Protein backbone atom coordinates (compact mmCIF):
# COMPACT_ATOMS: atom_id res chain seq x y z
CA UNK A 1 -7.79 16.83 -12.54
CA UNK A 2 -4.15 17.91 -14.00
CA UNK A 3 -1.61 16.54 -15.96
CA UNK A 4 1.47 17.71 -14.04
CA UNK A 5 3.75 16.89 -17.08
CA UNK A 6 2.22 19.47 -19.40
CA UNK A 7 0.38 21.49 -16.52
CA UNK A 8 -3.10 21.12 -18.30
CA UNK A 9 -6.33 20.79 -16.81
CA UNK A 10 -7.75 17.28 -17.90
CA UNK A 11 -10.93 17.47 -16.10
CA UNK A 12 -13.03 18.30 -12.76
CA UNK A 13 -15.16 16.39 -10.65
CA UNK A 14 -17.44 17.26 -7.91
CA UNK A 15 -17.04 15.45 -4.36
CA UNK A 16 -20.05 16.73 -3.03
CA UNK A 17 -18.66 16.21 0.55
CA UNK A 18 -16.05 17.86 2.72
CA UNK A 19 -12.49 15.98 1.83
CA UNK A 20 -9.98 16.63 4.49
CA UNK A 21 -7.16 14.57 3.00
CA UNK A 22 -6.45 12.73 -0.02
CA UNK A 23 -3.74 10.05 -1.29
CA UNK A 24 -3.06 8.44 -4.56
CA UNK A 25 -2.00 4.88 -4.66
CA UNK A 26 1.69 4.27 -6.32
CA UNK A 27 0.31 3.49 -9.80
CA UNK A 28 -1.77 6.59 -9.89
CA UNK A 29 -5.04 4.57 -10.44
CA UNK A 30 -6.55 4.95 -7.16
CA UNK A 31 -7.65 7.96 -5.18
CA UNK A 32 -8.61 7.82 -1.51
CA UNK A 33 -10.24 10.77 0.21
CA UNK A 34 -11.40 11.13 4.08
CA UNK A 35 -15.02 12.25 4.29
CA UNK A 36 -15.03 14.03 7.66
CA UNK A 37 -18.78 14.31 7.82
CA UNK A 38 -20.14 11.00 6.97
CA UNK A 39 -17.26 9.17 8.82
CA UNK A 40 -15.86 7.35 6.02
CA UNK A 41 -13.28 7.18 3.25
CA UNK A 42 -14.29 7.47 -0.64
CA UNK A 43 -12.39 5.50 -3.15
CA UNK A 44 -11.97 6.33 -6.66
CA UNK A 45 -10.97 4.76 -9.65
CA UNK A 46 -8.91 6.99 -12.04
CA UNK A 47 -8.98 6.25 -15.83
CA UNK A 48 -7.91 9.39 -17.77
CA UNK A 49 -9.81 11.78 -18.19
CA UNK A 50 -12.57 9.90 -15.79
CA UNK A 51 -12.66 9.65 -11.94
CA UNK A 52 -15.37 7.49 -10.81
CA UNK A 53 -16.12 6.85 -7.13
CA UNK A 54 -16.03 3.11 -6.45
CA UNK A 55 -16.85 2.88 -2.78
CA UNK A 56 -17.55 4.79 0.46
CA UNK A 57 -15.73 2.80 3.17
CA UNK A 58 -16.46 3.16 6.95
CA UNK A 59 -13.32 3.78 9.14
CA UNK A 60 -14.76 2.21 12.20
CA UNK A 61 -17.15 -1.04 13.04
CA UNK A 62 -19.31 1.78 15.03
CA UNK A 63 -20.47 5.36 14.47
CA UNK A 64 -18.36 6.10 17.52
CA UNK A 65 -15.49 4.08 16.33
CA UNK A 66 -15.13 6.12 13.25
CA UNK A 67 -15.90 9.28 14.27
CA UNK A 68 -13.98 12.17 12.16
CA UNK A 69 -11.46 10.52 10.02
CA UNK A 70 -8.88 13.12 9.01
CA UNK A 71 -5.61 11.94 7.44
CA UNK A 72 -4.58 8.56 5.79
CA UNK A 73 -1.79 6.81 4.39
CA UNK A 74 -1.08 3.70 2.40
CA UNK A 75 1.13 0.60 3.51
CA UNK A 76 4.39 0.30 1.88
CA UNK A 77 2.94 -2.55 -0.34
CA UNK A 78 -0.11 -0.69 -1.21
CA UNK A 79 -2.70 -2.94 0.26
CA UNK A 80 -3.81 -1.29 3.55
CA UNK A 81 -5.04 2.27 4.02
CA UNK A 82 -4.62 3.64 7.45
CA UNK A 83 -6.92 6.34 8.49
CA UNK A 84 -6.78 8.87 11.63
CA UNK A 85 -10.13 9.00 13.34
CA UNK A 86 -9.71 11.99 15.38
CA UNK A 87 -12.42 12.55 17.74
CA UNK A 88 -12.23 8.71 18.65
CA UNK A 89 -8.37 8.52 19.03
CA UNK A 90 -8.45 5.59 16.89
CA UNK A 91 -6.61 4.53 13.28
CA UNK A 92 -8.70 2.91 11.00
CA UNK A 93 -7.31 -0.16 9.07
CA UNK A 94 -9.14 -0.66 5.71
CA UNK A 95 -7.99 -3.53 3.16
CA UNK A 96 -7.77 -2.20 -0.33
CA UNK A 97 -5.72 -4.79 -2.04
CA UNK A 98 -7.49 -5.64 -5.35
CA UNK A 99 -10.45 -3.14 -4.76
CA UNK A 100 -11.68 -5.09 -1.52
CA UNK A 101 -12.21 -1.55 0.07
CA UNK A 102 -13.08 -3.49 3.17
CA UNK A 103 -13.01 -1.95 6.89
CA UNK A 104 -10.78 -4.47 9.06
CA UNK A 105 -10.46 -3.24 12.49
CA UNK A 106 -9.55 -0.04 14.63
CA UNK A 107 -6.50 0.38 16.52
CA UNK A 108 -6.80 2.61 19.32
CA UNK A 109 -3.97 5.03 19.77
CA UNK A 110 -4.74 6.69 23.60
CA UNK A 111 -4.78 10.03 22.52
CA UNK A 112 -5.84 12.30 19.35
CA UNK A 113 -5.23 11.05 16.14
CA UNK A 114 -4.78 13.80 13.81
CA UNK A 115 -2.09 12.27 11.54
CA UNK A 116 -1.36 8.98 10.55
CA UNK A 117 2.14 7.56 8.91
CA UNK A 118 4.04 4.21 7.77
CA UNK A 119 7.68 3.62 8.62
CA UNK A 120 9.31 1.33 6.28
CA UNK A 121 11.46 -1.76 7.83
CA UNK A 122 14.85 -1.93 7.43
CA UNK A 123 15.94 -4.62 5.13
CA UNK A 124 19.29 -6.27 3.92
CA UNK A 125 19.20 -7.26 0.53
CA UNK A 126 21.68 -9.35 -2.14
CA UNK A 127 23.22 -5.67 -2.90
CA UNK A 128 23.75 -4.95 0.71
CA UNK A 129 25.40 -8.59 1.21
CA UNK A 130 27.55 -7.97 -2.13
CA UNK A 131 28.72 -4.78 -0.69
CA UNK A 132 29.71 -6.32 2.61
CA UNK A 133 31.85 -9.07 0.67
CA UNK A 134 33.49 -5.90 -0.95
CA UNK A 135 34.03 -3.38 2.16
CA UNK A 136 34.59 -6.16 4.84
CA UNK A 137 33.95 -5.55 8.55
CA UNK A 138 32.89 -1.92 7.99
CA UNK A 139 29.48 -2.90 6.34
CA UNK A 140 28.88 -5.74 8.55
CA UNK A 141 29.28 -3.39 11.73
CA UNK A 142 26.92 -0.76 10.00
CA UNK A 143 24.28 -4.12 9.13
CA UNK A 144 24.58 -5.02 12.66
CA UNK A 145 23.50 -1.50 14.11
CA UNK A 146 20.66 -1.46 11.54
CA UNK A 147 19.49 -4.69 12.67
CA UNK A 148 19.57 -3.36 16.48
CA UNK A 149 17.75 -0.32 15.36
CA UNK A 150 15.23 -2.54 13.54
CA UNK A 151 14.70 -4.74 17.07
CA UNK A 152 14.33 -1.43 18.86
CA UNK A 153 11.79 -0.24 16.27
CA UNK A 154 9.65 -3.26 16.41
CA UNK A 155 9.82 -3.43 19.94
CA UNK A 156 8.58 0.21 20.18
CA UNK A 157 5.86 -0.42 17.69
CA UNK A 158 4.64 -3.68 19.58
CA UNK A 159 4.25 -1.25 22.97
CA UNK A 160 2.30 1.06 20.93
CA UNK A 161 -0.20 -1.38 19.38
CA UNK A 162 -1.04 -3.53 22.38
C-alpha cells in the first residue's frame, strides 16, 4: 500500500490469488478485486495501515454463470458492483451497500464481456435552472437536447438489457 501524497510505502498484503482488476470505493475504505481462478470478487476493508479481507463474493448464481470474472466497476452511488464474467458472457451484479457484499443477479450481454463501465445520467439541477433564467432560451434549448439525449440513451440501455 502506497501513500500517494508522500510516495511512501505504508505496507503490503499478499492476495494468494490471481487478481485481474481492482477498484476502490469513493471514500477509499473498500477495495474490490476480481479473482479469476475462483470465480469471485474479494472485498477488502482498508484502515491504514491494515488491509483485511471481509468477503469472497461469487459473481454468478452457478459455477457456469460466474466463469472468469475480469473487469469491475461501481455504480455512481457506490452501492452496486458490476463484474464482467468473461467466459459466460454475463455481467454479475453485487450489492455492496453497507458491506452487504451479496450477489444479486447476472445480466446476459450476448457476447464476450471483458470490460464493464457505468454511464452517469444527465440531470438538470437547481444551478441549471438558475442559469436558464439568466441566459434565456439558449439554455432551455440545450436542456431540451440533453433530455432528448437522455431518452435516447435510456431506450438504448433498455434494448441492451432485455
